[in-house]
Amino acid sequence: HQLSGGMRQRVMIAMAISCNPALLIADEPTTALDVT
């Protein structure tokens, strides 16, 4: 809750790539974010 929406999504990406996956599935990863 101390992070912005964009920062939280970056944390989710960090968690997703933490084990160097061969395939990353991104399901509507920017739905709740502004255009920038």
Full PDB file with SEQRES, HELIX, SHEET, SSBOND, CRYST1, ORIGX, SCALE, CONECT and MASTER records, all heavy atoms in Angstrom:
SEQRES   1 A   36  HIS GLN LEU SER GLY GLY MET ARG GLN ARG VAL MET ILE          
SEQRES   2 A   36  ALA MET ALA ILE SER CYS ASN PRO ALA LEU LEU ILE ALA          
SEQRES   3 A   36  ASP GLU PRO THR THR ALA LEU ASP VAL THR                      
HELIX    1 AA1 GLY A    5  ALA A   16  1                                  12    
CRYST1    1.000    1.000    1.000  90.00  90.00  90.00 P 1           1          
ORIGX1      1.000000  0.000000  0.000000        0.00000                         
ORIGX2      0.000000  1.000000  0.000000        0.00000                         
ORIGX3      0.000000  0.000000  1.000000        0.00000                         
SCALE1      1.000000  0.000000  0.000000        0.00000                         
SCALE2      0.000000  1.000000  0.000000        0.00000                         
SCALE3      0.000000  0.000000  1.000000        0.00000                         
ATOM      1  N   HIS A   1       0.815  -1.219   0.000  1.00  0.00           N  
ATOM      2  CA  HIS A   1       0.000   0.000   0.000  1.00  0.00           C  
ATOM      3  C   HIS A   1       0.850   1.272   0.000  1.00  0.00           C  
ATOM      4  O   HIS A   1       0.336   2.365  -0.277  1.00  0.00           O  
ATOM      5  CB  HIS A   1      -0.947   0.013   1.218  1.00  0.00           C  
ATOM      6  CG  HIS A   1      -0.250   0.263   2.529  1.00  0.00           C  
ATOM      7  ND1 HIS A   1       0.258  -0.775   3.289  1.00  0.00           N  
ATOM      8  CD2 HIS A   1       0.034   1.415   3.198  1.00  0.00           C  
ATOM      9  CE1 HIS A   1       0.814  -0.266   4.381  1.00  0.00           C  
ATOM     10  NE2 HIS A   1       0.691   1.057   4.353  1.00  0.00           N  
ATOM     11  N   GLN A   2       2.141   1.136   0.279  1.00  0.00           N  
ATOM     12  CA  GLN A   2       3.026   2.300   0.274  1.00  0.00           C  
ATOM     13  C   GLN A   2       3.565   2.613  -1.115  1.00  0.00           C  
ATOM     14  O   GLN A   2       4.254   3.626  -1.292  1.00  0.00           O  
ATOM     15  CB  GLN A   2       4.194   2.069   1.249  1.00  0.00           C  
ATOM     16  CG  GLN A   2       3.768   1.974   2.708  1.00  0.00           C  
ATOM     17  CD  GLN A   2       4.927   1.642   3.622  1.00  0.00           C  
ATOM     18  OE1 GLN A   2       5.399   0.504   3.672  1.00  0.00           O  
ATOM     19  NE2 GLN A   2       5.417   2.641   4.345  1.00  0.00           N  
ATOM     20  N   LEU A   3       3.253   1.769  -2.088  1.00  0.00           N  
ATOM     21  CA  LEU A   3       3.738   1.944  -3.451  1.00  0.00           C  
ATOM     22  C   LEU A   3       2.607   2.372  -4.377  1.00  0.00           C  
ATOM     23  O   LEU A   3       1.440   2.052  -4.147  1.00  0.00           O  
ATOM     24  CB  LEU A   3       4.355   0.639  -3.968  1.00  0.00           C  
ATOM     25  CG  LEU A   3       5.500   0.039  -3.141  1.00  0.00           C  
ATOM     26  CD1 LEU A   3       5.916  -1.298  -3.744  1.00  0.00           C  
ATOM     27  CD2 LEU A   3       6.683   0.992  -3.081  1.00  0.00           C  
ATOM     28  N   SER A   4       2.952   3.076  -5.433  1.00  0.00           N  
ATOM     29  CA  SER A   4       1.964   3.447  -6.453  1.00  0.00           C  
ATOM     30  C   SER A   4       1.581   2.219  -7.272  1.00  0.00           C  
ATOM     31  O   SER A   4       2.237   1.162  -7.189  1.00  0.00           O  
ATOM     32  CB  SER A   4       2.551   4.513  -7.377  1.00  0.00           C  
ATOM     33  OG  SER A   4       3.620   3.953  -8.140  1.00  0.00           O  
ATOM     34  N   GLY A   5       0.533   2.344  -8.090  1.00  0.00           N  
ATOM     35  CA  GLY A   5       0.099   1.217  -8.926  1.00  0.00           C  
ATOM     36  C   GLY A   5       1.192   0.748  -9.867  1.00  0.00           C  
ATOM     37  O   GLY A   5       1.404  -0.455 -10.043  1.00  0.00           O  
ATOM     38  N   GLY A   6       1.913   1.708 -10.483  1.00  0.00           N  
ATOM     39  CA  GLY A   6       2.997   1.336 -11.389  1.00  0.00           C  
ATOM     40  C   GLY A   6       4.136   0.637 -10.671  1.00  0.00           C  
ATOM     41  O   GLY A   6       4.716  -0.322 -11.183  1.00  0.00           O  
ATOM     42  N   MET A   7       4.450   1.103  -9.459  1.00  0.00           N  
ATOM     43  CA  MET A   7       5.505   0.467  -8.668  1.00  0.00           C  
ATOM     44  C   MET A   7       5.111  -0.946  -8.256  1.00  0.00           C  
ATOM     45  O   MET A   7       5.936  -1.867  -8.282  1.00  0.00           O  
ATOM     46  CB  MET A   7       5.786   1.299  -7.415  1.00  0.00           C  
ATOM     47  CG  MET A   7       6.432   2.634  -7.703  1.00  0.00           C  
ATOM     48  SD  MET A   7       8.199   2.474  -7.960  1.00  0.00           S  
ATOM     49  CE  MET A   7       8.808   3.607  -6.741  1.00  0.00           C  
ATOM     50  N   ARG A   8       3.848  -1.126  -7.861  1.00  0.00           N  
ATOM     51  CA  ARG A   8       3.387  -2.465  -7.483  1.00  0.00           C  
ATOM     52  C   ARG A   8       3.476  -3.421  -8.668  1.00  0.00           C  
ATOM     53  O   ARG A   8       3.849  -4.586  -8.500  1.00  0.00           O  
ATOM     54  CB  ARG A   8       1.945  -2.401  -6.957  1.00  0.00           C  
ATOM     55  CG  ARG A   8       1.822  -1.779  -5.580  1.00  0.00           C  
ATOM     56  CD  ARG A   8       0.464  -2.039  -4.964  1.00  0.00           C  
ATOM     57  NE  ARG A   8      -0.600  -1.351  -5.677  1.00  0.00           N  
ATOM     58  CZ  ARG A   8      -1.089  -0.161  -5.346  1.00  0.00           C  
ATOM     59  NH1 ARG A   8      -0.577   0.492  -4.309  1.00  0.00           N  
ATOM     60  NH2 ARG A   8      -2.079   0.376  -6.026  1.00  0.00           N  
ATOM     61  N   GLN A   9       3.144  -2.922  -9.862  1.00  0.00           N  
ATOM     62  CA  GLN A   9       3.235  -3.789 -11.031  1.00  0.00           C  
ATOM     63  C   GLN A   9       4.688  -4.139 -11.329  1.00  0.00           C  
ATOM     64  O   GLN A   9       4.996  -5.260 -11.742  1.00  0.00           O  
ATOM     65  CB  GLN A   9       2.576  -3.110 -12.236  1.00  0.00           C  
ATOM     66  CG  GLN A   9       2.236  -4.043 -13.385  1.00  0.00           C  
ATOM     67  CD  GLN A   9       1.304  -5.173 -12.993  1.00  0.00           C  
ATOM     68  OE1 GLN A   9       1.719  -6.137 -12.349  1.00  0.00           O  
ATOM     69  NE2 GLN A   9       0.046  -5.072 -13.382  1.00  0.00           N  
ATOM     70  N   ARG A  10       5.604  -3.215 -11.082  1.00  0.00           N  
ATOM     71  CA  ARG A  10       7.032  -3.506 -11.257  1.00  0.00           C  
ATOM     72  C   ARG A  10       7.495  -4.570 -10.257  1.00  0.00           C  
ATOM     73  O   ARG A  10       8.324  -5.419 -10.580  1.00  0.00           O  
ATOM     74  CB  ARG A  10       7.857  -2.230 -11.103  1.00  0.00           C  
ATOM     75  CG  ARG A  10       7.695  -1.260 -12.265  1.00  0.00           C  
ATOM     76  CD  ARG A  10       8.367   0.077 -11.982  1.00  0.00           C  
ATOM     77  NE  ARG A  10       8.003   1.065 -12.976  1.00  0.00           N  
ATOM     78  CZ  ARG A  10       8.702   1.308 -14.084  1.00  0.00           C  
ATOM     79  NH1 ARG A  10       9.818   0.639 -14.327  1.00  0.00           N  
ATOM     80  NH2 ARG A  10       8.300   2.216 -14.947  1.00  0.00           N  
ATOM     81  N   VAL A  11       6.963  -4.508  -9.039  1.00  0.00           N  
ATOM     82  CA  VAL A  11       7.278  -5.539  -8.049  1.00  0.00           C  
ATOM     83  C   VAL A  11       6.793  -6.899  -8.537  1.00  0.00           C  
ATOM     84  O   VAL A  11       7.502  -7.916  -8.417  1.00  0.00           O  
ATOM     85  CB  VAL A  11       6.645  -5.197  -6.682  1.00  0.00           C  
ATOM     86  CG1 VAL A  11       6.734  -6.392  -5.725  1.00  0.00           C  
ATOM     87  CG2 VAL A  11       7.335  -3.983  -6.067  1.00  0.00           C  
ATOM     88  N   MET A  12       5.588  -6.934  -9.119  1.00  0.00           N  
ATOM     89  CA  MET A  12       5.058  -8.188  -9.650  1.00  0.00           C  
ATOM     90  C   MET A  12       5.937  -8.725 -10.777  1.00  0.00           C  
ATOM     91  O   MET A  12       6.163  -9.930 -10.890  1.00  0.00           O  
ATOM     92  CB  MET A  12       3.623  -7.985 -10.149  1.00  0.00           C  
ATOM     93  CG  MET A  12       2.586  -7.814  -9.060  1.00  0.00           C  
ATOM     94  SD  MET A  12       2.488  -9.240  -7.959  1.00  0.00           S  
ATOM     95  CE  MET A  12       2.093 -10.538  -9.120  1.00  0.00           C  
ATOM     96  N   ILE A  13       6.445  -7.817 -11.608  1.00  0.00           N  
ATOM     97  CA  ILE A  13       7.338  -8.241 -12.698  1.00  0.00           C  
ATOM     98  C   ILE A  13       8.642  -8.784 -12.112  1.00  0.00           C  
ATOM     99  O   ILE A  13       9.157  -9.816 -12.557  1.00  0.00           O  
ATOM    100  CB  ILE A  13       7.603  -7.066 -13.663  1.00  0.00           C  
ATOM    101  CG1 ILE A  13       6.315  -6.654 -14.378  1.00  0.00           C  
ATOM    102  CG2 ILE A  13       8.667  -7.448 -14.693  1.00  0.00           C  
ATOM    103  CD1 ILE A  13       6.423  -5.362 -15.155  1.00  0.00           C  
ATOM    104  N   ALA A  14       9.179  -8.095 -11.092  1.00  0.00           N  
ATOM    105  CA  ALA A  14      10.405  -8.575 -10.436  1.00  0.00           C  
ATOM    106  C   ALA A  14      10.197  -9.976  -9.872  1.00  0.00           C  
ATOM    107  O   ALA A  14      11.069 -10.850  -9.991  1.00  0.00           O  
ATOM    108  CB  ALA A  14      10.812  -7.601  -9.325  1.00  0.00           C  
ATOM    109  N   MET A  15       9.041 -10.191  -9.254  1.00  0.00           N  
ATOM    110  CA  MET A  15       8.745 -11.511  -8.696  1.00  0.00           C  
ATOM    111  C   MET A  15       8.642 -12.552  -9.809  1.00  0.00           C  
ATOM    112  O   MET A  15       9.143 -13.676  -9.682  1.00  0.00           O  
ATOM    113  CB  MET A  15       7.423 -11.439  -7.917  1.00  0.00           C  
ATOM    114  CG  MET A  15       7.172 -12.616  -6.994  1.00  0.00           C  
ATOM    115  SD  MET A  15       5.608 -12.448  -6.102  1.00  0.00           S  
ATOM    116  CE  MET A  15       5.885 -10.923  -5.214  1.00  0.00           C  
ATOM    117  N   ALA A  16       8.014 -12.161 -10.925  1.00  0.00           N  
ATOM    118  CA  ALA A  16       7.812 -13.105 -12.027  1.00  0.00           C  
ATOM    119  C   ALA A  16       9.116 -13.510 -12.700  1.00  0.00           C  
ATOM    120  O   ALA A  16       9.255 -14.639 -13.173  1.00  0.00           O  
ATOM    121  CB  ALA A  16       6.845 -12.505 -13.050  1.00  0.00           C  
ATOM    122  N   ILE A  17      10.088 -12.590 -12.763  1.00  0.00           N  
ATOM    123  CA  ILE A  17      11.358 -12.909 -13.445  1.00  0.00           C  
ATOM    124  C   ILE A  17      12.429 -13.372 -12.469  1.00  0.00           C  
ATOM    125  O   ILE A  17      13.569 -13.602 -12.869  1.00  0.00           O  
ATOM    126  CB  ILE A  17      11.879 -11.695 -14.249  1.00  0.00           C  
ATOM    127  CG1 ILE A  17      12.254 -10.538 -13.309  1.00  0.00           C  
ATOM    128  CG2 ILE A  17      10.856 -11.253 -15.292  1.00  0.00           C  
ATOM    129  CD1 ILE A  17      13.007  -9.409 -13.994  1.00  0.00           C  
ATOM    130  N   SER A  18      12.077 -13.527 -11.193  1.00  0.00           N  
ATOM    131  CA  SER A  18      13.077 -13.830 -10.163  1.00  0.00           C  
ATOM    132  C   SER A  18      13.811 -15.132 -10.402  1.00  0.00           C  
ATOM    133  O   SER A  18      14.946 -15.303  -9.949  1.00  0.00           O  
ATOM    134  CB  SER A  18      12.417 -13.853  -8.784  1.00  0.00           C  
ATOM    135  OG  SER A  18      11.430 -14.869  -8.715  1.00  0.00           O  
ATOM    136  N   CYS A  19      13.186 -16.084 -11.090  1.00  0.00           N  
ATOM    137  CA  CYS A  19      13.826 -17.378 -11.347  1.00  0.00           C  
ATOM    138  C   CYS A  19      14.231 -17.547 -12.811  1.00  0.00           C  
ATOM    139  O   CYS A  19      14.455 -18.664 -13.280  1.00  0.00           O  
ATOM    140  CB  CYS A  19      12.896 -18.511 -10.917  1.00  0.00           C  
ATOM    141  SG  CYS A  19      12.475 -18.494  -9.169  1.00  0.00           S  
ATOM    142  N   ASN A  20      14.304 -16.418 -13.537  1.00  0.00           N  
ATOM    143  CA  ASN A  20      14.682 -16.443 -14.959  1.00  0.00           C  
ATOM    144  C   ASN A  20      13.834 -17.419 -15.776  1.00  0.00           C  
ATOM    145  O   ASN A  20      14.348 -18.382 -16.368  1.00  0.00           O  
ATOM    146  CB  ASN A  20      16.164 -16.796 -15.122  1.00  0.00           C  
ATOM    147  CG  ASN A  20      17.078 -15.690 -14.625  1.00  0.00           C  
ATOM    148  OD1 ASN A  20      16.861 -14.526 -14.916  1.00  0.00           O  
ATOM    149  ND2 ASN A  20      18.077 -16.063 -13.849  1.00  0.00           N  
ATOM    150  N   PRO A  21      12.517 -17.209 -15.841  1.00  0.00           N  
ATOM    151  CA  PRO A  21      11.656 -18.127 -16.586  1.00  0.00           C  
ATOM    152  C   PRO A  21      11.911 -18.047 -18.090  1.00  0.00           C  
ATOM    153  O   PRO A  21      12.387 -17.025 -18.596  1.00  0.00           O  
ATOM    154  CB  PRO A  21      10.244 -17.621 -16.252  1.00  0.00           C  
ATOM    155  CG  PRO A  21      10.430 -16.160 -15.995  1.00  0.00           C  
ATOM    156  CD  PRO A  21      11.766 -16.052 -15.299  1.00  0.00           C  
ATOM    157  N   ALA A  22      11.590 -19.131 -18.773  1.00  0.00           N  
ATOM    158  CA  ALA A  22      11.694 -19.142 -20.226  1.00  0.00           C  
ATOM    159  C   ALA A  22      10.469 -18.507 -20.868  1.00  0.00           C  
ATOM    160  O   ALA A  22      10.521 -18.029 -22.006  1.00  0.00           O  
ATOM    161  CB  ALA A  22      11.854 -20.575 -20.731  1.00  0.00           C  
ATOM    162  N   LEU A  23       9.330 -18.497 -20.136  1.00  0.00           N  
ATOM    163  CA  LEU A  23       8.087 -17.920 -20.652  1.00  0.00           C  
ATOM    164  C   LEU A  23       7.454 -17.053 -19.574  1.00  0.00           C  
ATOM    165  O   LEU A  23       7.248 -17.501 -18.443  1.00  0.00           O  
ATOM    166  CB  LEU A  23       7.102 -19.021 -21.062  1.00  0.00           C  
ATOM    167  CG  LEU A  23       5.690 -18.556 -21.479  1.00  0.00           C  
ATOM    168  CD1 LEU A  23       5.750 -17.680 -22.724  1.00  0.00           C  
ATOM    169  CD2 LEU A  23       4.769 -19.756 -21.715  1.00  0.00           C  
ATOM    170  N   LEU A  24       7.138 -15.812 -19.938  1.00  0.00           N  
ATOM    171  CA  LEU A  24       6.443 -14.892 -19.040  1.00  0.00           C  
ATOM    172  C   LEU A  24       5.062 -14.610 -19.633  1.00  0.00           C  
ATOM    173  O   LEU A  24       4.953 -14.120 -20.759  1.00  0.00           O  
ATOM    174  CB  LEU A  24       7.230 -13.592 -18.899  1.00  0.00           C  
ATOM    175  CG  LEU A  24       6.577 -12.492 -18.058  1.00  0.00           C  
ATOM    176  CD1 LEU A  24       6.470 -12.928 -16.606  1.00  0.00           C  
ATOM    177  CD2 LEU A  24       7.369 -11.183 -18.169  1.00  0.00           C  
ATOM    178  N   ILE A  25       4.010 -14.922 -18.876  1.00  0.00           N  
ATOM    179  CA  ILE A  25       2.642 -14.631 -19.296  1.00  0.00           C  
ATOM    180  C   ILE A  25       2.196 -13.359 -18.588  1.00  0.00           C  
ATOM    181  O   ILE A  25       2.224 -13.284 -17.358  1.00  0.00           O  
ATOM    182  CB  ILE A  25       1.698 -15.798 -18.950  1.00  0.00           C  
ATOM    183  CG1 ILE A  25       2.168 -17.084 -19.634  1.00  0.00           C  
ATOM    184  CG2 ILE A  25       0.265 -15.476 -19.363  1.00  0.00           C  
ATOM    185  CD1 ILE A  25       1.391 -18.327 -19.213  1.00  0.00           C  
ATOM    186  N   ALA A  26       1.805 -12.355 -19.353  1.00  0.00           N  
ATOM    187  CA  ALA A  26       1.357 -11.077 -18.797  1.00  0.00           C  
ATOM    188  C   ALA A  26      -0.121 -10.903 -19.142  1.00  0.00           C  
ATOM    189  O   ALA A  26      -0.468 -10.640 -20.289  1.00  0.00           O  
ATOM    190  CB  ALA A  26       2.188  -9.929 -19.364  1.00  0.00           C  
ATOM    191  N   ASP A  27      -0.978 -11.054 -18.135  1.00  0.00           N  
ATOM    192  CA  ASP A  27      -2.428 -10.990 -18.346  1.00  0.00           C  
ATOM    193  C   ASP A  27      -2.931  -9.583 -18.035  1.00  0.00           C  
ATOM    194  O   ASP A  27      -3.080  -9.211 -16.879  1.00  0.00           O  
ATOM    195  CB  ASP A  27      -3.130 -12.015 -17.448  1.00  0.00           C  
ATOM    196  CG  ASP A  27      -4.631 -12.094 -17.723  1.00  0.00           C  
ATOM    197  OD1 ASP A  27      -5.096 -11.449 -18.672  1.00  0.00           O  
ATOM    198  OD2 ASP A  27      -5.331 -12.789 -16.980  1.00  0.00           O  
ATOM    199  N   GLU A  28      -3.170  -8.802 -19.086  1.00  0.00           N  
ATOM    200  CA  GLU A  28      -3.643  -7.420 -18.940  1.00  0.00           C  
ATOM    201  C   GLU A  28      -2.810  -6.684 -17.878  1.00  0.00           C  
ATOM    202  O   GLU A  28      -3.352  -6.139 -16.913  1.00  0.00           O  
ATOM    203  CB  GLU A  28      -5.127  -7.415 -18.535  1.00  0.00           C  
ATOM    204  CG  GLU A  28      -6.058  -8.148 -19.487  1.00  0.00           C  
ATOM    205  CD  GLU A  28      -6.588  -7.245 -20.603  1.00  0.00           C  
ATOM    206  OE1 GLU A  28      -6.080  -6.121 -20.762  1.00  0.00           O  
ATOM    207  OE2 GLU A  28      -7.497  -7.679 -21.315  1.00  0.00           O  
ATOM    208  N   PRO A  29      -1.486  -6.627 -18.031  1.00  0.00           N  
ATOM    209  CA  PRO A  29      -0.647  -6.102 -16.948  1.00  0.00           C  
ATOM    210  C   PRO A  29      -0.763  -4.605 -16.721  1.00  0.00           C  
ATOM    211  O   PRO A  29      -0.233  -4.097 -15.736  1.00  0.00           O  
ATOM    212  CB  PRO A  29       0.769  -6.468 -17.411  1.00  0.00           C  
ATOM    213  CG  PRO A  29       0.680  -6.472 -18.901  1.00  0.00           C  
ATOM    214  CD  PRO A  29      -0.689  -7.006 -19.211  1.00  0.00           C  
ATOM    215  N   THR A  30      -1.447  -3.876 -17.619  1.00  0.00           N  
ATOM    216  CA  THR A  30      -1.507  -2.415 -17.483  1.00  0.00           C  
ATOM    217  C   THR A  30      -2.934  -1.896 -17.355  1.00  0.00           C  
ATOM    218  O   THR A  30      -3.166  -0.701 -17.492  1.00  0.00           O  
ATOM    219  CB  THR A  30      -0.829  -1.748 -18.700  1.00  0.00           C  
ATOM    220  OG1 THR A  30      -1.496  -2.160 -19.906  1.00  0.00           O  
ATOM    221  CG2 THR A  30       0.635  -2.141 -18.796  1.00  0.00           C  
ATOM    222  N   THR A  31      -3.889  -2.781 -17.077  1.00  0.00           N  
ATOM    223  CA  THR A  31      -5.290  -2.380 -17.043  1.00  0.00           C  
ATOM    224  C   THR A  31      -5.557  -1.250 -16.056  1.00  0.00           C  
ATOM    225  O   THR A  31      -6.301  -0.314 -16.355  1.00  0.00           O  
ATOM    226  CB  THR A  31      -6.179  -3.595 -16.684  1.00  0.00           C  
ATOM    227  OG1 THR A  31      -6.048  -4.564 -17.722  1.00  0.00           O  
ATOM    228  CG2 THR A  31      -7.632  -3.198 -16.574  1.00  0.00           C  
ATOM    229  N   ALA A  32      -4.978  -1.316 -14.864  1.00  0.00           N  
ATOM    230  CA  ALA A  32      -5.286  -0.335 -13.811  1.00  0.00           C  
ATOM    231  C   ALA A  32      -4.351   0.873 -13.829  1.00  0.00           C  
ATOM    232  O   ALA A  32      -4.393   1.691 -12.916  1.00  0.00           O  
ATOM    233  CB  ALA A  32      -5.219  -1.020 -12.447  1.00  0.00           C  
ATOM    234  N   LEU A  33      -3.531   1.010 -14.874  1.00  0.00           N  
ATOM    235  CA  LEU A  33      -2.525   2.072 -14.902  1.00  0.00           C  
ATOM    236  C   LEU A  33      -2.883   3.151 -15.909  1.00  0.00           C  
ATOM    237  O   LEU A  33      -3.594   2.897 -16.889  1.00  0.00           O  
ATOM    238  CB  LEU A  33      -1.153   1.478 -15.259  1.00  0.00           C  
ATOM    239  CG  LEU A  33      -0.684   0.308 -14.394  1.00  0.00           C  
ATOM    240  CD1 LEU A  33       0.648  -0.202 -14.908  1.00  0.00           C  
ATOM    241  CD2 LEU A  33      -0.584   0.709 -12.927  1.00  0.00           C  
ATOM    242  N   ASP A  34      -2.372   4.364 -15.682  1.00  0.00           N  
ATOM    243  CA  ASP A  34      -2.612   5.422 -16.667  1.00  0.00           C  
ATOM    244  C   ASP A  34      -1.720   5.200 -17.883  1.00  0.00           C  
ATOM    245  O   ASP A  34      -0.811   4.373 -17.877  1.00  0.00           O  
ATOM    246  CB  ASP A  34      -2.411   6.814 -16.057  1.00  0.00           C  
ATOM    247  CG  ASP A  34      -0.984   7.059 -15.586  1.00  0.00           C  
ATOM    248  OD1 ASP A  34      -0.050   6.808 -16.360  1.00  0.00           O  
ATOM    249  OD2 ASP A  34      -0.799   7.505 -14.442  1.00  0.00           O  
ATOM    250  N   VAL A  35      -1.978   5.968 -18.936  1.00  0.00           N  
ATOM    251  CA  VAL A  35      -1.344   5.709 -20.238  1.00  0.00           C  
ATOM    252  C   VAL A  35       0.179   5.830 -20.161  1.00  0.00           C  
ATOM    253  O   VAL A  35       0.904   5.022 -20.757  1.00  0.00           O  
ATOM    254  CB  VAL A  35      -1.910   6.676 -21.299  1.00  0.00           C  
ATOM    255  CG1 VAL A  35      -1.186   6.507 -22.617  1.00  0.00           C  
ATOM    256  CG2 VAL A  35      -3.401   6.437 -21.492  1.00  0.00           C  
ATOM    257  N   THR A  36       0.676   6.825 -19.448  1.00  0.00           N  
ATOM    258  CA  THR A  36       2.129   7.021 -19.360  1.00  0.00           C  
ATOM    259  C   THR A  36       2.808   5.842 -18.677  1.00  0.00           C  
ATOM    260  O   THR A  36       3.812   5.312 -19.170  1.00  0.00           O  
ATOM    261  CB  THR A  36       2.440   8.317 -18.583  1.00  0.00           C  
ATOM    262  OG1 THR A  36       1.749   9.401 -19.192  1.00  0.00           O  
ATOM    263  CG2 THR A  36       3.926   8.599 -18.590  1.00  0.00           C  
TER     264      THR A  36                                                      
MASTER        0    0    0    1    0    0    0    6  263    1    0    3          
END                                                                             
